[in-house]
Amino acid sequence: MPNWFEIKNIDLLDSPALVIHTDRVKANIQTAIRMVGDVGRLRPHVKTNKSPGAIDLMLQAGIRKFKCATIAEAEMLAQCKAVDVLLAYQPLGPKLQRFINLINKYPGTNFSCLCDNEAAADEQSKAFAATGNLVPVYMDLNIGMNRTGIIPGYGAISLYKKLASLPGINIAGLHAYDGHMRDPDIQLRTVACDKAYDMVLQLKKELQQKGLPVPTIIAGGSPSFSIHSKRTDCECSPGTFIYWDKGYLDLCPEQEFLPAAVLITRVISLPNETRVCVDLGHKSVAAENEITRRVFFLNADGLVPVSQSEEHLVLEAPAGHSFKPGDILYALPFHVCPTVALYERVYTVENNEVLGEWKNISRDRVLEV
């Protein structure tokens, strides 16, 4: 029997390529549902998969709520008949108009968005009310990542009160993303996550004491999913779980997700006795990490990346190695989300054979709206 990642009809597949093992995707979906306990509390982020094929598998499993980062991802979800879609972004200017166009084009989907300041609240309210829309808006909180959001406290209470009173806005609750929680020690990660979440709960308590409703809390991403999934008072929005990757395999060993996305690359040159060049350049795998943390080879020990360019990855091999041009290497990306965005399509694998493909349609910035 081949290893789980090996493909029997690999000679039909050009490289570089990204393949998705759909049996593992289905297993990961079930693992996420089992971890959270109540599928109604699961709101997966689709930034990882960007594909109607993956969305359909989640819909078939009973998942009804989703989260996304772009208008194209939101439109993809609407085209898949998703009923509840959070644009986890603060739409302003042209993006706000596109968001309204999206709402009007797909009335069967309940769209919501984020807001973290009063100027944005005014702009959103004016635009929503002018078009006759009443849009659910979550107040975005900064609980330590320092990327977006308002810090819980007096200013947050003031903003929430304003959002609850503005025309065109239906206050939906609180959104708190904690992507900075990245300690590989689950106990230390839990302490930090709980401390940050306590800020959210304290704010919720203060808002409710003032007679302001807080219908929903949406919390966390992949590293904190194992922690938030045990709560009963929030929705969880992991994204990478569906494909997993080497980065989270190392960071979150307590989560039982299976790597499902594999890069296919071939040896194309042997420039000297200890150098091996493969066709896996910057265009084929996310390159934001330092060079030794971009790919992990599943069937080749002892290869150390030393340089990378647009179409090539050069590896240092042990003296006397047996690699030759044409050899096929299988690799896990360390960061699968931006890696997926580099591919127009992924090839689906079942029982170690390539059987089809999924288009990553929302890697584009614009679909129709």
Protein backbone atom coordinates (compact mmCIF):
# COMPACT_ATOMS: atom_id res chain seq x y z
CA MET A 1 0.00 0.00 0.00
CA PRO A 2 1.31 3.51 -0.79
CA ASN A 3 1.76 6.16 1.86
CA TRP A 4 -1.34 8.30 2.38
CA PHE A 5 0.13 11.15 0.32
CA GLU A 6 1.38 9.12 -2.65
CA ILE A 7 -0.57 9.27 -5.90
CA LYS A 8 -0.79 6.22 -8.15
CA ASN A 9 -1.46 8.16 -11.36
CA ILE A 10 1.03 10.91 -10.58
CA ASP A 11 2.49 10.77 -14.11
CA LEU A 12 -0.70 12.46 -15.35
CA LEU A 13 -0.16 15.48 -13.10
CA ASP A 14 2.14 18.34 -14.11
CA SER A 15 4.07 20.14 -11.39
CA PRO A 16 4.11 22.22 -9.37
CA ALA A 17 0.60 21.35 -8.21
CA LEU A 18 -1.48 21.42 -5.06
CA VAL A 19 -3.58 18.35 -4.36
CA ILE A 20 -6.36 17.93 -1.81
CA HIS A 21 -7.09 14.56 -0.21
CA THR A 22 -10.87 14.81 0.14
CA ASP A 23 -11.21 11.90 2.56
CA ARG A 24 -9.02 13.85 4.98
CA VAL A 25 -11.03 17.03 4.39
CA LYS A 26 -14.21 15.16 5.36
CA ALA A 27 -12.48 13.77 8.45
CA ASN A 28 -11.31 17.25 9.46
CA ILE A 29 -14.82 18.64 9.14
CA GLN A 30 -16.13 15.92 11.44
CA THR A 31 -13.30 16.53 13.90
CA ALA A 32 -14.20 20.24 14.09
CA ILE A 33 -17.87 19.42 14.66
CA ARG A 34 -16.97 16.89 17.34
CA MET A 35 -14.67 19.38 19.10
CA VAL A 36 -17.26 22.16 19.21
CA GLY A 37 -20.09 19.80 20.18
CA ASP A 38 -22.85 21.89 18.61
CA VAL A 39 -22.54 22.48 14.86
CA GLY A 40 -24.56 25.67 15.35
CA ARG A 41 -21.55 27.16 17.18
CA LEU A 42 -19.20 26.53 14.28
CA ARG A 43 -18.55 29.39 11.84
CA PRO A 44 -15.59 28.30 9.66
CA HIS A 45 -13.44 30.90 7.95
CA VAL A 46 -13.17 30.15 4.21
CA LYS A 47 -9.97 32.11 3.56
CA THR A 48 -8.07 28.81 3.56
CA ASN A 49 -10.01 26.84 0.97
CA LYS A 50 -11.45 29.53 -1.37
CA SER A 51 -13.36 26.74 -3.14
CA PRO A 52 -17.04 25.83 -3.63
CA GLY A 53 -15.96 22.17 -3.48
CA ALA A 54 -14.80 22.54 0.12
CA ILE A 55 -17.83 24.69 1.00
CA ASP A 56 -20.19 22.01 -0.33
CA LEU A 57 -18.60 19.38 1.94
CA MET A 58 -19.16 21.64 4.97
CA LEU A 59 -22.75 22.31 3.96
CA GLN A 60 -23.35 18.58 3.59
CA ALA A 61 -22.05 18.14 7.14
CA GLY A 62 -24.67 20.57 8.47
CA ILE A 63 -22.55 23.72 8.82
CA ARG A 64 -24.66 26.79 8.08
CA LYS A 65 -22.61 29.76 9.30
CA PHE A 66 -19.42 31.01 7.68
CA LYS A 67 -16.83 33.75 7.96
CA CYS A 68 -14.72 35.31 5.22
CA ALA A 69 -12.28 38.15 4.57
CA THR A 70 -13.12 39.43 1.08
CA ILE A 71 -16.16 40.35 -1.01
CA ALA A 72 -15.24 37.56 -3.44
CA GLU A 73 -15.20 34.99 -0.63
CA ALA A 74 -18.58 36.29 0.57
CA GLU A 75 -20.01 36.04 -2.94
CA MET A 76 -18.66 32.52 -3.35
CA LEU A 77 -20.49 31.53 -0.17
CA ALA A 78 -23.71 33.10 -1.41
CA GLN A 79 -23.38 31.24 -4.71
CA CYS A 80 -23.09 28.04 -2.65
CA LYS A 81 -26.37 28.94 -0.89
CA ALA A 82 -24.79 29.59 2.50
CA VAL A 83 -27.44 31.18 4.72
CA ASP A 84 -25.26 33.16 7.18
CA VAL A 85 -22.05 34.93 6.11
CA LEU A 86 -19.90 37.28 8.19
CA LEU A 87 -17.54 39.52 6.26
CA ALA A 88 -14.87 39.74 8.96
CA TYR A 89 -13.78 43.10 7.68
CA GLN A 90 -14.85 46.72 8.09
CA PRO A 91 -16.19 47.70 4.64
CA LEU A 92 -15.74 51.38 3.75
CA GLY A 93 -15.66 53.38 0.51
CA PRO A 94 -15.94 51.24 -2.64
CA LYS A 95 -15.86 48.04 -0.57
CA LEU A 96 -18.92 49.22 1.34
CA GLN A 97 -20.81 49.79 -1.91
CA ARG A 98 -19.78 46.35 -3.16
CA PHE A 99 -21.00 44.87 0.13
CA ILE A 100 -24.38 46.53 -0.34
CA ASN A 101 -24.52 45.27 -3.93
CA LEU A 102 -23.81 41.80 -2.57
CA ILE A 103 -26.64 42.05 -0.06
CA ASN A 104 -29.06 43.13 -2.76
CA LYS A 105 -27.94 40.49 -5.27
CA TYR A 106 -28.20 37.53 -2.89
CA PRO A 107 -31.27 38.02 -0.66
CA GLY A 108 -31.18 34.37 0.40
CA THR A 109 -27.97 34.94 2.38
CA ASN A 110 -27.87 36.88 5.64
CA PHE A 111 -24.72 39.02 5.40
CA SER A 112 -23.06 40.80 8.33
CA CYS A 113 -19.84 42.80 8.78
CA LEU A 114 -17.57 44.44 11.35
CA CYS A 115 -17.11 47.95 12.74
CA ASP A 116 -14.52 49.29 15.18
CA ASN A 117 -14.84 53.12 15.17
CA GLU A 118 -17.47 55.85 15.10
CA ALA A 119 -16.54 57.31 11.71
CA ALA A 120 -16.96 53.90 10.11
CA ALA A 121 -20.24 53.41 11.97
CA ASP A 122 -21.58 56.66 10.54
CA GLU A 123 -20.51 55.77 7.00
CA GLN A 124 -21.98 52.28 7.20
CA SER A 125 -25.23 53.51 8.72
CA LYS A 126 -25.70 56.17 6.08
CA ALA A 127 -25.04 53.74 3.23
CA PHE A 128 -27.22 50.93 4.63
CA ALA A 129 -30.15 53.21 5.46
CA ALA A 130 -30.01 54.97 2.07
CA THR A 131 -30.55 51.63 0.34
CA GLY A 132 -33.25 50.43 2.69
CA ASN A 133 -31.12 47.73 4.29
CA LEU A 134 -30.92 46.70 7.94
CA VAL A 135 -27.54 44.98 8.25
CA PRO A 136 -26.22 42.99 11.20
CA VAL A 137 -22.96 44.54 12.40
CA TYR A 138 -20.55 43.08 14.96
CA MET A 139 -18.33 45.37 16.96
CA ASP A 140 -14.74 44.27 16.36
CA LEU A 141 -12.57 44.07 19.50
CA ASN A 142 -8.82 44.39 19.92
CA ILE A 143 -7.90 41.85 22.59
CA GLY A 144 -4.16 41.95 22.02
CA MET A 145 -3.46 41.35 18.35
CA ASN A 146 -3.28 45.10 17.65
CA ARG A 147 -4.37 44.76 14.05
CA THR A 148 -7.98 45.92 14.07
CA GLY A 149 -10.69 46.39 16.64
CA ILE A 150 -11.43 48.65 19.56
CA ILE A 151 -9.98 47.93 23.00
CA PRO A 152 -12.67 46.83 25.50
CA GLY A 153 -13.49 49.67 27.87
CA TYR A 154 -15.33 52.98 27.94
CA GLY A 155 -14.73 53.72 24.26
CA ALA A 156 -16.05 50.31 23.26
CA ILE A 157 -19.18 50.82 25.34
CA SER A 158 -19.74 54.20 23.67
CA LEU A 159 -19.29 52.76 20.19
CA TYR A 160 -21.55 49.78 20.87
CA LYS A 161 -24.25 52.10 22.19
CA LYS A 162 -23.97 54.16 19.02
CA LEU A 163 -24.13 51.12 16.76
CA ALA A 164 -27.25 49.96 18.59
CA SER A 165 -28.98 53.27 17.84
CA LEU A 166 -27.97 54.01 14.25
CA PRO A 167 -30.41 53.51 11.36
CA GLY A 168 -29.57 50.75 8.91
CA ILE A 169 -27.59 48.81 11.53
CA ASN A 170 -28.78 45.85 13.59
CA ILE A 171 -26.26 45.32 16.38
CA ALA A 172 -25.32 41.64 16.23
CA GLY A 173 -22.78 41.28 19.03
CA LEU A 174 -19.00 41.13 19.49
CA HIS A 175 -16.17 39.80 17.34
CA ALA A 176 -12.82 38.99 18.99
CA TYR A 177 -9.98 37.48 16.96
CA ASP A 178 -6.94 36.26 18.87
CA GLY A 179 -4.56 35.12 16.13
CA HIS A 180 -1.58 36.24 18.22
CA MET A 181 -2.10 33.32 20.63
CA ARG A 182 0.69 31.10 19.30
CA ASP A 183 2.43 29.45 22.24
CA PRO A 184 3.06 25.77 21.37
CA ASP A 185 2.44 24.90 25.04
CA ILE A 186 -1.33 24.40 25.18
CA GLN A 187 -1.45 25.23 28.89
CA LEU A 188 0.26 28.60 28.37
CA ARG A 189 -1.88 29.25 25.28
CA THR A 190 -4.99 28.49 27.32
CA VAL A 191 -4.02 30.91 30.10
CA ALA A 192 -3.43 33.71 27.59
CA CYS A 193 -6.60 32.93 25.66
CA ASP A 194 -8.76 32.83 28.79
CA LYS A 195 -7.31 36.13 30.00
CA ALA A 196 -8.15 37.82 26.71
CA TYR A 197 -11.61 36.28 26.57
CA ASP A 198 -12.33 37.53 30.10
CA MET A 199 -12.06 41.05 28.65
CA VAL A 200 -14.81 40.18 26.19
CA LEU A 201 -17.05 38.71 28.89
CA GLN A 202 -16.52 41.73 31.13
CA LEU A 203 -17.49 44.06 28.28
CA LYS A 204 -20.57 41.95 27.54
CA LYS A 205 -21.60 42.18 31.20
CA GLU A 206 -21.19 45.97 31.25
CA LEU A 207 -23.16 46.35 28.01
CA GLN A 208 -26.00 44.21 29.30
CA GLN A 209 -26.08 46.19 32.55
CA LYS A 210 -26.74 49.26 30.43
CA GLY A 211 -29.63 47.51 28.70
CA LEU A 212 -27.74 46.83 25.47
CA PRO A 213 -28.22 43.41 23.85
CA VAL A 214 -25.22 41.25 23.00
CA PRO A 215 -26.78 38.49 20.89
CA THR A 216 -23.59 36.71 19.82
CA ILE A 217 -19.85 36.51 20.50
CA ILE A 218 -17.63 35.24 17.68
CA ALA A 219 -14.20 34.30 19.01
CA GLY A 220 -10.87 32.94 17.91
CA GLY A 221 -9.24 31.22 14.98
CA SER A 222 -7.26 28.01 14.60
CA PRO A 223 -4.68 28.18 17.44
CA SER A 224 -7.36 28.99 20.03
CA PHE A 225 -10.04 26.69 18.62
CA SER A 226 -9.22 23.89 21.05
CA ILE A 227 -9.88 26.38 23.88
CA HIS A 228 -12.94 28.28 22.61
CA SER A 229 -14.56 25.05 21.40
CA LYS A 230 -15.03 24.03 25.04
CA ARG A 231 -17.05 27.14 25.83
CA THR A 232 -20.81 27.34 25.37
CA ASP A 233 -21.22 31.11 25.01
CA CYS A 234 -19.48 31.83 21.69
CA GLU A 235 -19.24 30.85 18.05
CA CYS A 236 -15.88 29.53 16.86
CA SER A 237 -14.32 30.37 13.50
CA PRO A 238 -11.28 28.24 12.65
CA GLY A 239 -10.29 28.17 8.99
CA THR A 240 -7.08 26.22 8.44
CA PHE A 241 -8.57 23.07 10.00
CA ILE A 242 -10.08 22.00 6.70
CA TYR A 243 -6.69 21.49 5.01
CA TRP A 244 -4.32 21.89 8.02
CA ASP A 245 -0.63 22.53 7.38
CA LYS A 246 2.83 21.91 8.78
CA GLY A 247 2.79 25.16 10.76
CA TYR A 248 -0.28 24.24 12.79
CA LEU A 249 0.71 20.58 12.91
CA ASP A 250 3.72 21.76 14.93
CA LEU A 251 1.99 24.56 16.86
CA CYS A 252 -1.23 22.75 17.82
CA PRO A 253 -0.44 19.06 18.40
CA GLU A 254 -3.48 18.83 20.68
CA GLN A 255 -5.77 19.28 17.67
CA GLU A 256 -6.38 16.06 15.75
CA PHE A 257 -6.71 17.52 12.27
CA LEU A 258 -5.01 15.77 9.37
CA PRO A 259 -2.88 17.48 6.71
CA ALA A 260 -5.01 17.28 3.57
CA ALA A 261 -3.19 19.63 1.17
CA VAL A 262 0.02 18.38 -0.44
CA LEU A 263 2.37 20.10 -2.84
CA ILE A 264 3.67 18.08 -5.78
CA THR A 265 7.08 19.05 -7.11
CA ARG A 266 9.73 17.42 -9.31
CA VAL A 267 13.49 17.49 -9.39
CA ILE A 268 14.42 19.43 -12.52
CA SER A 269 18.18 19.89 -12.17
CA LEU A 270 21.26 18.82 -10.24
CA PRO A 271 23.52 21.91 -10.53
CA ASN A 272 26.35 20.29 -8.54
CA GLU A 273 27.11 17.25 -6.39
CA THR A 274 25.04 18.33 -3.40
CA ARG A 275 22.45 20.69 -4.89
CA VAL A 276 18.98 19.60 -5.98
CA CYS A 277 16.68 22.03 -7.78
CA VAL A 278 12.89 21.49 -7.81
CA ASP A 279 10.08 23.41 -9.53
CA LEU A 280 8.62 24.97 -6.37
CA GLY A 281 9.32 28.69 -6.48
CA HIS A 282 7.75 31.74 -4.88
CA LYS A 283 4.80 31.37 -7.26
CA SER A 284 4.02 27.92 -5.88
CA VAL A 285 4.26 28.11 -2.08
CA ALA A 286 3.79 30.88 0.47
CA ALA A 287 7.16 32.53 0.99
CA GLU A 288 6.58 34.83 3.96
CA ASN A 289 8.40 32.51 6.37
CA GLU A 290 12.17 32.15 6.39
CA ILE A 291 13.33 29.69 3.76
CA THR A 292 13.58 26.55 5.92
CA ARG A 293 9.95 26.98 7.06
CA ARG A 294 8.12 27.09 3.74
CA VAL A 295 7.80 23.40 2.88
CA PHE A 296 8.26 20.10 4.67
CA PHE A 297 9.10 17.13 2.47
CA LEU A 298 7.17 13.95 3.26
CA ASN A 299 9.27 11.54 1.20
CA ALA A 300 12.76 13.05 1.26
CA ASP A 301 14.92 13.34 4.36
CA GLY A 302 18.00 15.49 4.59
CA LEU A 303 17.05 18.19 2.08
CA VAL A 304 17.71 21.74 3.32
CA PRO A 305 16.36 24.73 1.32
CA VAL A 306 19.13 27.22 0.53
CA SER A 307 17.62 29.55 -2.07
CA GLN A 308 14.33 30.21 -3.84
CA SER A 309 13.28 32.28 -6.83
CA GLU A 310 10.07 32.64 -8.81
CA GLU A 311 10.09 29.16 -10.37
CA HIS A 312 12.83 27.28 -8.49
CA LEU A 313 13.68 26.00 -5.02
CA VAL A 314 17.29 24.92 -4.51
CA LEU A 315 18.01 22.34 -1.84
CA GLU A 316 21.21 21.13 -0.24
CA ALA A 317 21.35 17.33 -0.23
CA PRO A 318 23.69 14.94 1.62
CA ALA A 319 26.81 13.87 -0.21
CA GLY A 320 26.23 10.76 -2.27
CA HIS A 321 22.49 11.32 -2.52
CA SER A 322 20.45 9.40 -5.09
CA PHE A 323 18.12 12.12 -6.34
CA LYS A 324 17.78 12.41 -10.11
CA PRO A 325 15.85 14.67 -12.52
CA GLY A 326 12.20 13.67 -12.70
CA ASP A 327 11.96 12.44 -9.10
CA ILE A 328 8.66 13.36 -7.49
CA LEU A 329 8.64 14.98 -4.06
CA TYR A 330 5.57 15.41 -1.86
CA ALA A 331 5.58 18.33 0.58
CA LEU A 332 3.36 20.01 3.16
CA PRO A 333 3.21 23.82 3.06
CA PHE A 334 3.96 25.48 6.37
CA HIS A 335 1.25 28.06 5.63
CA VAL A 336 -1.50 26.65 3.47
CA CYS A 337 -3.83 29.69 3.27
CA PRO A 338 -1.64 31.96 1.08
CA THR A 339 -0.36 28.87 -0.73
CA VAL A 340 -3.90 28.05 -1.91
CA ALA A 341 -4.21 31.62 -3.19
CA LEU A 342 -1.35 30.92 -5.62
CA TYR A 343 -3.31 28.20 -7.42
CA GLU A 344 -6.24 28.65 -9.77
CA ARG A 345 -7.26 25.07 -9.06
CA VAL A 346 -6.42 22.17 -6.79
CA TYR A 347 -6.59 18.52 -7.79
CA THR A 348 -8.74 16.24 -5.68
CA VAL A 349 -7.38 12.85 -4.61
CA GLU A 350 -9.35 9.83 -3.41
CA ASN A 351 -7.89 6.39 -2.72
CA ASN A 352 -4.47 7.66 -3.84
CA GLU A 353 -5.67 8.66 -7.30
CA VAL A 354 -6.32 12.07 -8.83
CA LEU A 355 -10.00 12.06 -9.75
CA GLY A 356 -10.97 15.69 -10.30
CA GLU A 357 -10.32 19.31 -9.46
CA TRP A 358 -11.74 22.22 -7.49
CA LYS A 359 -11.47 25.79 -8.70
CA ASN A 360 -10.25 28.26 -6.07
CA ILE A 361 -12.63 30.88 -7.42
CA SER A 362 -12.40 33.34 -4.54
CA ARG A 363 -8.64 33.79 -4.95
CA ASP A 364 -9.85 36.43 -7.41
CA ARG A 365 -10.72 39.82 -5.99
CA VAL A 366 -13.93 40.12 -8.00
CA LEU A 367 -16.45 37.47 -9.06
CA GLU A 368 -19.54 39.38 -10.22
CA VAL A 369 -20.16 42.09 -7.61
